[in-house]
Amino acid sequence: MKRIILVLVPLCIALYTGGVGHGAGDLLPILSASISQDSSNTLQLTAEAVRQDSLEGNAASVYLTTTGQTLDALLAEIEQMLAGQMYLSHARTIVVDETAAKKSLVPIIETLLRRSDVRLTLRIAVARDVPADSIVRAQAVAEEIPGAALGALLDAHAKRGSLPDLPLCRIADRILSGTDFSLPALTLTSDGRVIPAGRAQFVSGRLTHFSGGDRDA
């Protein structure tokens, strides 16, 4: 069963390389997204799409936000906003807030695995002491698209071993096997930069506590 679920998502999706404009029917790749949940269990999704006026023009981030009861509904709403032209094959990072992580990652992982445009290398991180969308919206230090910079940050720390190296395929494996796991925790500095904040510890797919970083919680 474990292998059947994992092959639902292609291992590699061809990258879109053409220019992207402003029209309602234009293709807009999603680079990153955040998922938050409030006390009434309402979910909020903020997606960072990338817009480019021409092949030579500078790319810029466009943030789209919607609320609903399920991640499927939120993604469908974002697709409506983009006239059905949203795709997630560029997405490198999804940031989940503490409330959603404590509720359960399982519905989020299942939804992502059902989509044919989601990479198995997608990374999930947990926002610590800050709203999840503030991580996604934070400006990159260098002249780089925020979502690309966020993905590069997580990749670099995972390679150094300072943050968990647990992309979507490995999270699914841990959940299916009932194994505890940890995910990267992220927060913001006083000047709004994204930095690692230790590890988010999960048992049975639910956040139990944070470890490492500036303080344990």
N, C-alpha and C. Protein backbone atom coordinates (compact mmCIF):
# COMPACT_ATOMS: atom_id res chain seq x y z
N MET A 1 0.83 -1.21 0.00
CA MET A 1 0.00 0.00 0.00
C MET A 1 0.86 1.25 0.00
N LYS A 2 1.98 1.17 0.74
CA LYS A 2 2.87 2.31 0.84
C LYS A 2 3.39 2.71 -0.53
N ARG A 3 3.84 1.74 -1.33
CA ARG A 3 4.41 2.04 -2.63
C ARG A 3 3.34 2.53 -3.60
N ILE A 4 2.11 1.98 -3.48
CA ILE A 4 1.02 2.40 -4.37
C ILE A 4 0.71 3.88 -4.19
N ILE A 5 0.66 4.33 -2.94
CA ILE A 5 0.36 5.73 -2.67
C ILE A 5 1.48 6.62 -3.20
N LEU A 6 2.72 6.21 -3.00
CA LEU A 6 3.83 7.06 -3.41
C LEU A 6 3.90 7.24 -4.92
N VAL A 7 3.50 6.24 -5.70
CA VAL A 7 3.60 6.39 -7.15
C VAL A 7 2.45 7.20 -7.73
N LEU A 8 1.54 7.66 -6.90
CA LEU A 8 0.45 8.50 -7.39
C LEU A 8 0.97 9.82 -7.92
N VAL A 9 2.11 10.26 -7.43
CA VAL A 9 2.69 11.53 -7.86
C VAL A 9 3.93 11.26 -8.70
N PRO A 10 4.07 11.85 -9.90
CA PRO A 10 5.26 11.61 -10.72
C PRO A 10 6.52 12.06 -10.00
N LEU A 11 7.61 11.37 -10.24
CA LEU A 11 8.88 11.74 -9.63
C LEU A 11 9.46 13.00 -10.22
N CYS A 12 9.10 13.30 -11.43
CA CYS A 12 9.68 14.48 -12.08
C CYS A 12 8.65 15.11 -12.98
N ILE A 13 8.42 16.41 -12.87
CA ILE A 13 7.51 17.17 -13.72
C ILE A 13 8.34 18.14 -14.53
N ALA A 14 8.08 18.22 -15.82
CA ALA A 14 8.85 19.14 -16.67
C ALA A 14 8.59 20.57 -16.24
N LEU A 15 9.67 21.36 -16.13
CA LEU A 15 9.56 22.73 -15.66
C LEU A 15 9.05 23.64 -16.77
N TYR A 16 8.25 24.58 -16.39
CA TYR A 16 7.74 25.58 -17.34
C TYR A 16 8.77 26.69 -17.48
N THR A 17 9.17 26.99 -18.73
CA THR A 17 10.24 27.96 -18.93
C THR A 17 9.82 29.18 -19.72
N GLY A 18 8.58 29.26 -20.17
CA GLY A 18 8.14 30.40 -20.98
C GLY A 18 7.84 31.62 -20.14
N GLY A 19 7.70 32.78 -20.80
CA GLY A 19 7.33 34.02 -20.11
C GLY A 19 5.90 33.96 -19.65
N VAL A 20 5.58 34.65 -18.58
CA VAL A 20 4.24 34.66 -18.02
C VAL A 20 3.76 36.09 -17.92
N GLY A 21 2.56 36.33 -18.38
CA GLY A 21 2.03 37.68 -18.38
C GLY A 21 0.93 37.90 -17.38
N HIS A 22 0.08 38.88 -17.64
CA HIS A 22 -0.93 39.28 -16.67
C HIS A 22 -2.31 38.72 -16.97
N GLY A 23 -2.54 38.13 -18.14
CA GLY A 23 -3.88 37.75 -18.54
C GLY A 23 -4.49 36.69 -17.66
N ALA A 24 -5.84 36.62 -17.69
CA ALA A 24 -6.55 35.68 -16.81
C ALA A 24 -6.23 34.23 -17.16
N GLY A 25 -5.87 33.95 -18.44
CA GLY A 25 -5.61 32.58 -18.83
C GLY A 25 -4.15 32.21 -18.81
N ASP A 26 -3.28 33.08 -18.34
CA ASP A 26 -1.85 32.80 -18.35
C ASP A 26 -1.48 31.77 -17.29
N LEU A 27 -0.42 31.01 -17.59
CA LEU A 27 0.08 30.04 -16.62
C LEU A 27 0.87 30.76 -15.53
N LEU A 28 0.54 30.46 -14.28
CA LEU A 28 1.27 31.04 -13.17
C LEU A 28 1.76 29.92 -12.25
N PRO A 29 3.05 29.67 -12.21
CA PRO A 29 3.56 28.63 -11.33
C PRO A 29 3.51 29.08 -9.87
N ILE A 30 3.19 28.14 -8.98
CA ILE A 30 3.20 28.39 -7.54
C ILE A 30 4.55 27.93 -7.00
N LEU A 31 5.28 28.85 -6.34
CA LEU A 31 6.59 28.52 -5.80
C LEU A 31 6.52 28.07 -4.34
N SER A 32 5.63 28.67 -3.57
CA SER A 32 5.51 28.32 -2.16
C SER A 32 4.09 28.61 -1.71
N ALA A 33 3.74 28.09 -0.54
CA ALA A 33 2.39 28.32 -0.02
C ALA A 33 2.42 28.14 1.49
N SER A 34 1.42 28.72 2.15
CA SER A 34 1.26 28.53 3.59
C SER A 34 -0.14 28.03 3.86
N ILE A 35 -0.27 27.23 4.92
CA ILE A 35 -1.56 26.71 5.36
C ILE A 35 -1.71 27.02 6.83
N SER A 36 -2.79 27.71 7.17
CA SER A 36 -3.08 28.05 8.57
C SER A 36 -4.47 27.53 8.93
N GLN A 37 -4.70 27.36 10.22
CA GLN A 37 -6.00 26.89 10.71
C GLN A 37 -6.37 27.67 11.96
N ASP A 38 -7.64 28.13 12.04
CA ASP A 38 -8.05 28.88 13.22
C ASP A 38 -8.80 27.99 14.19
N SER A 39 -9.32 28.57 15.27
CA SER A 39 -9.96 27.79 16.33
C SER A 39 -11.26 27.13 15.87
N SER A 40 -11.86 27.63 14.79
CA SER A 40 -13.08 27.03 14.26
C SER A 40 -12.78 26.01 13.17
N ASN A 41 -11.51 25.68 13.00
CA ASN A 41 -11.02 24.71 12.02
C ASN A 41 -11.08 25.20 10.58
N THR A 42 -11.31 26.49 10.39
CA THR A 42 -11.27 27.06 9.05
C THR A 42 -9.81 27.18 8.59
N LEU A 43 -9.54 26.73 7.39
CA LEU A 43 -8.20 26.78 6.83
C LEU A 43 -8.00 28.03 5.98
N GLN A 44 -6.79 28.52 5.96
CA GLN A 44 -6.42 29.62 5.07
C GLN A 44 -5.19 29.21 4.27
N LEU A 45 -5.28 29.40 2.97
CA LEU A 45 -4.16 29.10 2.08
C LEU A 45 -3.67 30.39 1.44
N THR A 46 -2.39 30.65 1.54
CA THR A 46 -1.75 31.75 0.82
C THR A 46 -0.74 31.14 -0.14
N ALA A 47 -0.91 31.40 -1.43
CA ALA A 47 -0.03 30.84 -2.46
C ALA A 47 0.77 31.95 -3.11
N GLU A 48 2.06 31.70 -3.29
CA GLU A 48 2.94 32.64 -3.98
C GLU A 48 3.08 32.21 -5.43
N ALA A 49 2.43 32.94 -6.32
CA ALA A 49 2.57 32.70 -7.75
C ALA A 49 3.63 33.64 -8.31
N VAL A 50 4.21 33.27 -9.43
CA VAL A 50 5.26 34.07 -10.05
C VAL A 50 4.77 34.60 -11.40
N ARG A 51 4.89 35.91 -11.58
CA ARG A 51 4.46 36.57 -12.80
C ARG A 51 5.67 37.19 -13.49
N GLN A 52 5.71 37.04 -14.79
CA GLN A 52 6.81 37.64 -15.56
C GLN A 52 6.23 38.26 -16.83
N ASP A 53 6.56 39.53 -17.08
CA ASP A 53 6.00 40.24 -18.21
C ASP A 53 6.55 39.76 -19.55
N SER A 54 7.79 39.31 -19.57
CA SER A 54 8.43 38.85 -20.79
C SER A 54 9.60 37.95 -20.42
N LEU A 55 10.21 37.30 -21.43
CA LEU A 55 11.35 36.44 -21.16
C LEU A 55 12.52 37.23 -20.58
N GLU A 56 12.60 38.50 -20.96
CA GLU A 56 13.69 39.35 -20.47
C GLU A 56 13.34 40.10 -19.20
N GLY A 57 12.05 40.17 -18.88
CA GLY A 57 11.61 40.96 -17.73
C GLY A 57 11.89 40.27 -16.41
N ASN A 58 11.85 41.07 -15.33
CA ASN A 58 12.06 40.53 -14.00
C ASN A 58 10.80 39.81 -13.51
N ALA A 59 10.98 38.67 -12.87
CA ALA A 59 9.85 37.95 -12.29
C ALA A 59 9.46 38.61 -10.97
N ALA A 60 8.17 38.55 -10.64
CA ALA A 60 7.67 39.14 -9.40
C ALA A 60 6.65 38.20 -8.77
N SER A 61 6.59 38.21 -7.45
CA SER A 61 5.65 37.36 -6.72
C SER A 61 4.28 38.01 -6.64
N VAL A 62 3.25 37.19 -6.76
CA VAL A 62 1.86 37.60 -6.57
C VAL A 62 1.27 36.67 -5.52
N TYR A 63 0.68 37.21 -4.47
CA TYR A 63 0.16 36.39 -3.38
C TYR A 63 -1.36 36.31 -3.45
N LEU A 64 -1.87 35.08 -3.42
CA LEU A 64 -3.30 34.81 -3.50
C LEU A 64 -3.71 34.10 -2.22
N THR A 65 -4.78 34.58 -1.58
CA THR A 65 -5.23 34.01 -0.31
C THR A 65 -6.70 33.63 -0.38
N THR A 66 -7.03 32.47 0.18
CA THR A 66 -8.42 32.04 0.24
C THR A 66 -8.64 31.23 1.52
N THR A 67 -9.87 31.10 1.92
CA THR A 67 -10.22 30.33 3.13
C THR A 67 -11.27 29.29 2.79
N GLY A 68 -11.29 28.22 3.59
CA GLY A 68 -12.27 27.16 3.37
C GLY A 68 -12.11 26.08 4.41
N GLN A 69 -12.82 24.97 4.20
CA GLN A 69 -12.83 23.90 5.18
C GLN A 69 -11.88 22.75 4.86
N THR A 70 -11.47 22.64 3.59
CA THR A 70 -10.55 21.59 3.21
C THR A 70 -9.48 22.16 2.27
N LEU A 71 -8.33 21.50 2.24
CA LEU A 71 -7.26 21.95 1.35
C LEU A 71 -7.67 21.77 -0.11
N ASP A 72 -8.42 20.73 -0.42
CA ASP A 72 -8.92 20.55 -1.79
C ASP A 72 -9.73 21.76 -2.23
N ALA A 73 -10.62 22.25 -1.34
CA ALA A 73 -11.44 23.41 -1.67
C ALA A 73 -10.59 24.66 -1.85
N LEU A 74 -9.58 24.82 -1.03
CA LEU A 74 -8.71 25.99 -1.13
C LEU A 74 -7.94 25.99 -2.45
N LEU A 75 -7.41 24.85 -2.82
CA LEU A 75 -6.66 24.76 -4.08
C LEU A 75 -7.58 25.00 -5.27
N ALA A 76 -8.81 24.50 -5.18
CA ALA A 76 -9.77 24.74 -6.26
C ALA A 76 -10.09 26.22 -6.38
N GLU A 77 -10.19 26.91 -5.26
CA GLU A 77 -10.48 28.34 -5.27
C GLU A 77 -9.32 29.12 -5.89
N ILE A 78 -8.08 28.75 -5.53
CA ILE A 78 -6.92 29.41 -6.13
C ILE A 78 -6.90 29.17 -7.63
N GLU A 79 -7.24 27.96 -8.06
CA GLU A 79 -7.29 27.67 -9.49
C GLU A 79 -8.33 28.53 -10.20
N GLN A 80 -9.44 28.76 -9.51
CA GLN A 80 -10.47 29.65 -10.08
C GLN A 80 -9.93 31.06 -10.24
N MET A 81 -9.22 31.55 -9.24
CA MET A 81 -8.62 32.88 -9.30
C MET A 81 -7.68 33.01 -10.49
N LEU A 82 -7.01 31.90 -10.81
CA LEU A 82 -6.04 31.91 -11.90
C LEU A 82 -6.63 31.33 -13.19
N ALA A 83 -7.96 31.30 -13.27
CA ALA A 83 -8.65 30.80 -14.46
C ALA A 83 -8.23 29.37 -14.80
N GLY A 84 -8.03 28.56 -13.78
CA GLY A 84 -7.68 27.16 -13.99
C GLY A 84 -6.26 26.92 -14.41
N GLN A 85 -5.40 27.94 -14.34
CA GLN A 85 -4.04 27.80 -14.85
C GLN A 85 -2.99 27.67 -13.76
N MET A 86 -3.40 27.32 -12.56
CA MET A 86 -2.44 27.11 -11.48
C MET A 86 -1.77 25.74 -11.65
N TYR A 87 -0.47 25.68 -11.38
CA TYR A 87 0.18 24.38 -11.30
C TYR A 87 1.29 24.44 -10.26
N LEU A 88 1.53 23.31 -9.63
CA LEU A 88 2.39 23.23 -8.47
C LEU A 88 3.72 22.54 -8.74
N SER A 89 4.04 22.30 -10.01
CA SER A 89 5.27 21.57 -10.30
C SER A 89 6.53 22.35 -9.93
N HIS A 90 6.41 23.69 -9.79
CA HIS A 90 7.54 24.50 -9.34
C HIS A 90 7.61 24.59 -7.81
N ALA A 91 6.54 24.24 -7.13
CA ALA A 91 6.46 24.47 -5.68
C ALA A 91 7.54 23.67 -4.95
N ARG A 92 8.27 24.36 -4.08
CA ARG A 92 9.35 23.73 -3.32
C ARG A 92 9.05 23.64 -1.84
N THR A 93 8.19 24.54 -1.33
CA THR A 93 7.97 24.61 0.11
C THR A 93 6.53 24.93 0.44
N ILE A 94 5.99 24.22 1.41
CA ILE A 94 4.71 24.59 2.02
C ILE A 94 4.96 24.76 3.52
N VAL A 95 4.55 25.91 4.04
CA VAL A 95 4.73 26.22 5.46
C VAL A 95 3.38 26.08 6.17
N VAL A 96 3.35 25.28 7.21
CA VAL A 96 2.13 25.01 7.97
C VAL A 96 2.23 25.69 9.33
N ASP A 97 1.13 26.26 9.81
CA ASP A 97 1.19 26.91 11.12
C ASP A 97 1.03 25.87 12.23
N GLU A 98 1.28 26.30 13.46
CA GLU A 98 1.27 25.37 14.60
C GLU A 98 -0.10 24.72 14.79
N THR A 99 -1.18 25.49 14.62
CA THR A 99 -2.52 24.96 14.84
C THR A 99 -2.83 23.83 13.87
N ALA A 100 -2.56 24.05 12.58
CA ALA A 100 -2.82 23.01 11.58
C ALA A 100 -1.92 21.80 11.82
N ALA A 101 -0.67 22.03 12.21
CA ALA A 101 0.25 20.93 12.44
C ALA A 101 -0.17 20.10 13.65
N LYS A 102 -0.68 20.77 14.69
CA LYS A 102 -1.13 20.04 15.88
C LYS A 102 -2.42 19.26 15.60
N LYS A 103 -3.25 19.77 14.70
CA LYS A 103 -4.48 19.07 14.34
C LYS A 103 -4.14 17.76 13.63
N SER A 104 -3.36 17.82 12.55
CA SER A 104 -2.85 16.65 11.85
C SER A 104 -2.34 17.05 10.48
N LEU A 105 -1.19 16.52 10.13
CA LEU A 105 -0.66 16.73 8.78
C LEU A 105 -1.26 15.75 7.77
N VAL A 106 -1.91 14.71 8.25
CA VAL A 106 -2.35 13.63 7.36
C VAL A 106 -3.25 14.12 6.23
N PRO A 107 -4.32 14.91 6.49
CA PRO A 107 -5.16 15.37 5.38
C PRO A 107 -4.39 16.22 4.37
N ILE A 108 -3.44 17.01 4.84
CA ILE A 108 -2.64 17.84 3.94
C ILE A 108 -1.77 16.97 3.05
N ILE A 109 -1.09 15.99 3.63
CA ILE A 109 -0.23 15.09 2.86
C ILE A 109 -1.05 14.30 1.85
N GLU A 110 -2.20 13.80 2.27
CA GLU A 110 -3.05 13.02 1.36
C GLU A 110 -3.51 13.87 0.17
N THR A 111 -3.88 15.12 0.44
CA THR A 111 -4.31 16.00 -0.65
C THR A 111 -3.19 16.26 -1.63
N LEU A 112 -2.01 16.52 -1.12
CA LEU A 112 -0.86 16.79 -1.99
C LEU A 112 -0.51 15.57 -2.84
N LEU A 113 -0.58 14.39 -2.26
CA LEU A 113 -0.24 13.17 -2.99
C LEU A 113 -1.24 12.87 -4.11
N ARG A 114 -2.47 13.33 -3.96
CA ARG A 114 -3.48 13.10 -5.00
C ARG A 114 -3.26 13.95 -6.24
N ARG A 115 -2.48 15.03 -6.11
CA ARG A 115 -2.28 15.93 -7.24
C ARG A 115 -1.13 15.45 -8.12
N SER A 116 -1.35 15.45 -9.42
CA SER A 116 -0.32 15.00 -10.36
C SER A 116 0.75 16.06 -10.60
N ASP A 117 0.50 17.30 -10.13
CA ASP A 117 1.47 18.38 -10.37
C ASP A 117 2.30 18.72 -9.15
N VAL A 118 2.34 17.84 -8.18
CA VAL A 118 3.13 18.08 -6.96
C VAL A 118 4.34 17.16 -6.95
N ARG A 119 5.51 17.74 -6.70
CA ARG A 119 6.74 16.95 -6.64
C ARG A 119 6.85 16.19 -5.32
N LEU A 120 7.40 15.00 -5.38
CA LEU A 120 7.66 14.26 -4.16
C LEU A 120 8.80 14.88 -3.36
N THR A 121 9.54 15.80 -3.97
CA THR A 121 10.63 16.50 -3.28
C THR A 121 10.16 17.76 -2.56
N LEU A 122 8.87 18.07 -2.65
CA LEU A 122 8.31 19.22 -1.94
C LEU A 122 8.62 19.12 -0.45
N ARG A 123 9.04 20.23 0.15
CA ARG A 123 9.35 20.24 1.58
C ARG A 123 8.23 20.90 2.38
N ILE A 124 7.95 20.34 3.54
CA ILE A 124 6.98 20.91 4.48
C ILE A 124 7.75 21.45 5.68
N ALA A 125 7.46 22.69 6.06
CA ALA A 125 8.06 23.29 7.24
C ALA A 125 6.95 23.81 8.14
N VAL A 126 7.28 24.04 9.41
CA VAL A 126 6.30 24.53 10.38
C VAL A 126 6.73 25.90 10.88
N ALA A 127 5.81 26.85 10.84
CA ALA A 127 6.08 28.20 11.35
C ALA A 127 6.07 28.17 12.88
N ARG A 128 7.10 28.73 13.48
CA ARG A 128 7.22 28.73 14.95
C ARG A 128 7.11 30.17 15.48
N ASP A 129 6.09 30.43 16.26
CA ASP A 129 5.87 31.72 16.92
C ASP A 129 5.55 32.86 15.96
N VAL A 130 5.29 32.54 14.70
CA VAL A 130 4.90 33.57 13.72
C VAL A 130 3.83 32.97 12.81
N PRO A 131 2.99 33.81 12.17
CA PRO A 131 2.01 33.27 11.22
C PRO A 131 2.71 32.59 10.04
N ALA A 132 2.12 31.53 9.54
CA ALA A 132 2.73 30.79 8.43
C ALA A 132 2.87 31.66 7.18
N ASP A 133 1.88 32.51 6.91
CA ASP A 133 1.96 33.30 5.68
C ASP A 133 3.04 34.38 5.76
N SER A 134 3.45 34.75 6.98
CA SER A 134 4.52 35.74 7.10
C SER A 134 5.86 35.14 6.65
N ILE A 135 6.01 33.83 6.79
CA ILE A 135 7.21 33.16 6.29
C ILE A 135 7.22 33.18 4.77
N VAL A 136 6.09 32.86 4.17
CA VAL A 136 5.97 32.81 2.71
C VAL A 136 6.12 34.20 2.09
N ARG A 137 5.63 35.22 2.78
CA ARG A 137 5.66 36.59 2.25
C ARG A 137 6.98 37.32 2.54
N ALA A 138 7.83 36.76 3.37
CA ALA A 138 9.07 37.45 3.74
C ALA A 138 9.96 37.65 2.52
N GLN A 139 10.52 38.84 2.40
CA GLN A 139 11.40 39.16 1.28
C GLN A 139 12.74 38.43 1.40
N ALA A 140 13.26 38.02 0.26
CA ALA A 140 14.57 37.38 0.24
C ALA A 140 15.66 38.41 0.51
N VAL A 141 16.76 37.97 1.12
CA VAL A 141 17.87 38.87 1.41
C VAL A 141 18.52 39.33 0.12
N ALA A 142 18.79 38.40 -0.78
CA ALA A 142 19.36 38.75 -2.09
C ALA A 142 18.23 39.04 -3.07
N GLU A 143 18.59 39.43 -4.28
CA GLU A 143 17.61 39.71 -5.32
C GLU A 143 17.10 38.39 -5.88
N GLU A 144 16.19 37.80 -5.19
CA GLU A 144 15.69 36.48 -5.55
C GLU A 144 14.21 36.43 -5.21
N ILE A 145 13.44 35.61 -5.96
CA ILE A 145 12.04 35.40 -5.64
C ILE A 145 11.95 34.75 -4.26
N PRO A 146 11.09 35.26 -3.36
CA PRO A 146 11.02 34.71 -1.99
C PRO A 146 10.85 33.21 -1.92
N GLY A 147 9.97 32.65 -2.75
CA GLY A 147 9.75 31.21 -2.71
C GLY A 147 10.97 30.41 -3.10
N ALA A 148 11.73 30.92 -4.06
CA ALA A 148 12.97 30.25 -4.47
C ALA A 148 14.00 30.33 -3.36
N ALA A 149 14.10 31.49 -2.71
CA ALA A 149 15.05 31.66 -1.61
C ALA A 149 14.69 30.76 -0.44
N LEU A 150 13.39 30.62 -0.15
CA LEU A 150 12.95 29.77 0.95
C LEU A 150 13.30 28.31 0.67
N GLY A 151 13.05 27.86 -0.56
CA GLY A 151 13.40 26.49 -0.92
C GLY A 151 14.89 26.25 -0.83
N ALA A 152 15.68 27.21 -1.28
CA ALA A 152 17.14 27.08 -1.23
C ALA A 152 17.64 27.02 0.21
N LEU A 153 17.02 27.81 1.09
CA LEU A 153 17.40 27.81 2.51
C LEU A 153 17.20 26.43 3.13
N LEU A 154 16.04 25.83 2.89
CA LEU A 154 15.76 24.52 3.46
C LEU A 154 16.67 23.44 2.86
N ASP A 155 16.90 23.52 1.55
CA ASP A 155 17.78 22.54 0.91
C ASP A 155 19.19 22.61 1.49
N ALA A 156 19.70 23.84 1.65
CA ALA A 156 21.07 24.01 2.15
C ALA A 156 21.22 23.46 3.56
N HIS A 157 20.25 23.75 4.44
CA HIS A 157 20.35 23.27 5.83
C HIS A 157 20.16 21.76 5.90
N ALA A 158 19.31 21.21 5.02
CA ALA A 158 19.13 19.76 4.99
C ALA A 158 20.42 19.06 4.57
N LYS A 159 21.11 19.62 3.58
CA LYS A 159 22.37 19.02 3.12
C LYS A 159 23.44 19.08 4.20
N ARG A 160 23.42 20.16 5.01
CA ARG A 160 24.40 20.28 6.10
C ARG A 160 24.02 19.43 7.31
N GLY A 161 22.79 18.96 7.34
CA GLY A 161 22.34 18.16 8.47
C GLY A 161 21.83 18.98 9.64
N SER A 162 21.69 20.29 9.45
CA SER A 162 21.23 21.14 10.54
C SER A 162 19.70 21.22 10.63
N LEU A 163 19.01 20.73 9.58
CA LEU A 163 17.55 20.63 9.60
C LEU A 163 17.16 19.27 9.04
N PRO A 164 16.00 18.75 9.41
CA PRO A 164 15.58 17.44 8.90
C PRO A 164 15.48 17.43 7.37
N ASP A 165 15.94 16.34 6.76
CA ASP A 165 15.84 16.15 5.32
C ASP A 165 14.68 15.20 5.06
N LEU A 166 13.47 15.76 5.05
CA LEU A 166 12.27 14.92 4.98
C LEU A 166 11.27 15.53 3.99
N PRO A 167 11.50 15.34 2.69
CA PRO A 167 10.54 15.84 1.70
C PRO A 167 9.25 15.03 1.73
N LEU A 168 8.31 15.40 0.88
CA LEU A 168 6.96 14.84 0.89
C LEU A 168 6.94 13.31 0.86
N CYS A 169 7.76 12.71 -0.01
CA CYS A 169 7.74 11.25 -0.12
C CYS A 169 8.14 10.57 1.19
N ARG A 170 9.09 11.17 1.90
CA ARG A 170 9.53 10.57 3.16
C ARG A 170 8.54 10.81 4.29
N ILE A 171 7.87 11.96 4.26
CA ILE A 171 6.82 12.21 5.26
C ILE A 171 5.71 11.19 5.09
N ALA A 172 5.30 10.96 3.83
CA ALA A 172 4.25 9.97 3.56
C ALA A 172 4.65 8.60 4.07
N ASP A 173 5.89 8.23 3.86
CA ASP A 173 6.39 6.94 4.32
C ASP A 173 6.33 6.84 5.84
N ARG A 174 6.74 7.91 6.54
CA ARG A 174 6.70 7.90 8.01
C ARG A 174 5.26 7.78 8.52
N ILE A 175 4.35 8.51 7.90
CA ILE A 175 2.96 8.47 8.35
C ILE A 175 2.36 7.09 8.12
N LEU A 176 2.60 6.51 6.95
CA LEU A 176 2.05 5.19 6.64
C LEU A 176 2.60 4.11 7.55
N SER A 177 3.86 4.26 7.95
CA SER A 177 4.49 3.25 8.81
C SER A 177 4.26 3.52 10.29
N GLY A 178 3.64 4.67 10.62
CA GLY A 178 3.39 5.01 12.02
C GLY A 178 4.65 5.42 12.77
N THR A 179 5.65 5.90 12.02
CA THR A 179 6.91 6.30 12.63
C THR A 179 6.91 7.78 13.00
N ASP A 180 7.45 8.12 14.16
CA ASP A 180 7.60 9.53 14.54
C ASP A 180 8.61 10.20 13.62
N PHE A 181 8.46 11.50 13.44
CA PHE A 181 9.39 12.22 12.56
C PHE A 181 9.47 13.68 12.98
N SER A 182 10.44 14.39 12.42
CA SER A 182 10.58 15.82 12.69
C SER A 182 10.68 16.57 11.37
N LEU A 183 10.21 17.81 11.36
CA LEU A 183 10.25 18.69 10.19
C LEU A 183 10.97 19.98 10.58
N PRO A 184 11.46 20.72 9.59
CA PRO A 184 12.10 22.00 9.90
C PRO A 184 11.10 22.99 10.49
N ALA A 185 11.53 23.73 11.49
CA ALA A 185 10.75 24.85 12.03
C ALA A 185 11.39 26.15 11.55
N LEU A 186 10.56 27.11 11.20
CA LEU A 186 11.05 28.39 10.69
C LEU A 186 10.42 29.54 11.47
N THR A 187 11.16 30.63 11.61
CA THR A 187 10.63 31.83 12.23
C THR A 187 11.24 33.04 11.54
N LEU A 188 10.95 34.23 12.06
CA LEU A 188 11.46 35.48 11.48
C LEU A 188 12.33 36.22 12.48
N THR A 189 13.36 36.89 11.96
CA THR A 189 14.15 37.78 12.80
C THR A 189 13.39 39.09 12.99
N SER A 190 13.92 39.96 13.83
CA SER A 190 13.26 41.25 14.09
C SER A 190 13.15 42.11 12.83
N ASP A 191 14.07 41.88 11.88
CA ASP A 191 14.01 42.66 10.63
C ASP A 191 13.34 41.88 9.50
N GLY A 192 12.64 40.80 9.85
CA GLY A 192 11.80 40.12 8.87
C GLY A 192 12.46 39.08 8.00
N ARG A 193 13.65 38.59 8.38
CA ARG A 193 14.31 37.55 7.61
C ARG A 193 13.89 36.17 8.12
N VAL A 194 13.76 35.22 7.19
CA VAL A 194 13.43 33.85 7.56
C VAL A 194 14.69 33.14 8.05
N ILE A 195 14.57 32.49 9.22
CA ILE A 195 15.69 31.73 9.75
C ILE A 195 15.18 30.40 10.32
N PRO A 196 16.05 29.38 10.39
CA PRO A 196 15.66 28.12 11.02
C PRO A 196 15.37 28.32 12.51
N ALA A 197 14.44 27.55 13.03
CA ALA A 197 14.07 27.66 14.44
C ALA A 197 13.94 26.27 15.07
N GLY A 198 14.91 25.41 14.77
CA GLY A 198 14.89 24.08 15.36
C GLY A 198 14.04 23.10 14.59
N ARG A 199 13.47 22.16 15.33
CA ARG A 199 12.70 21.07 14.72
C ARG A 199 11.30 21.01 15.30
N ALA A 200 10.35 20.67 14.42
CA ALA A 200 8.97 20.41 14.83
C ALA A 200 8.81 18.90 14.94
N GLN A 201 8.50 18.40 16.13
CA GLN A 201 8.44 16.97 16.39
C GLN A 201 7.00 16.45 16.22
N PHE A 202 6.85 15.36 15.44
CA PHE A 202 5.53 14.81 15.14
C PHE A 202 5.41 13.38 15.64
N VAL A 203 4.25 13.09 16.21
CA VAL A 203 3.88 11.74 16.62
C VAL A 203 2.51 11.45 16.02
N SER A 204 2.38 10.35 15.30
CA SER A 204 1.13 9.99 14.63
C SER A 204 0.63 11.11 13.71
N GLY A 205 1.56 11.79 13.09
CA GLY A 205 1.21 12.84 12.13
C GLY A 205 0.80 14.16 12.75
N ARG A 206 0.94 14.30 14.09
CA ARG A 206 0.55 15.52 14.78
C ARG A 206 1.76 16.16 15.47
N LEU A 207 1.84 17.48 15.38
CA LEU A 207 2.89 18.22 16.07
C LEU A 207 2.70 18.10 17.58
N THR A 208 3.76 17.67 18.27
CA THR A 208 3.70 17.57 19.73
C THR A 208 4.49 18.67 20.42
N HIS A 209 5.64 19.05 19.84
CA HIS A 209 6.46 20.08 20.45
C HIS A 209 7.57 20.49 19.49
N PHE A 210 8.23 21.58 19.82
CA PHE A 210 9.43 22.02 19.11
C PHE A 210 10.67 21.67 19.93
N SER A 211 11.78 21.48 19.23
CA SER A 211 13.04 21.27 19.94
C SER A 211 14.13 22.04 19.19
N GLY A 212 15.17 22.43 19.94
CA GLY A 212 16.25 23.18 19.33
C GLY A 212 15.86 24.62 19.07
N GLY A 213 16.63 25.32 18.26
CA GLY A 213 16.37 26.73 18.01
C GLY A 213 16.76 27.56 19.23
N ASP A 214 16.19 28.75 19.32
CA ASP A 214 16.52 29.64 20.43
C ASP A 214 16.01 29.11 21.77
N ARG A 215 14.88 28.36 21.68
CA ARG A 215 14.31 27.85 22.92
C ARG A 215 13.47 26.64 22.60
N ASP A 216 13.26 25.78 23.55
CA ASP A 216 12.34 24.65 23.39
C ASP A 216 10.95 25.08 23.82
N ALA A 217 9.93 24.54 23.16
CA ALA A 217 8.54 24.88 23.51
C ALA A 217 7.68 23.62 23.47
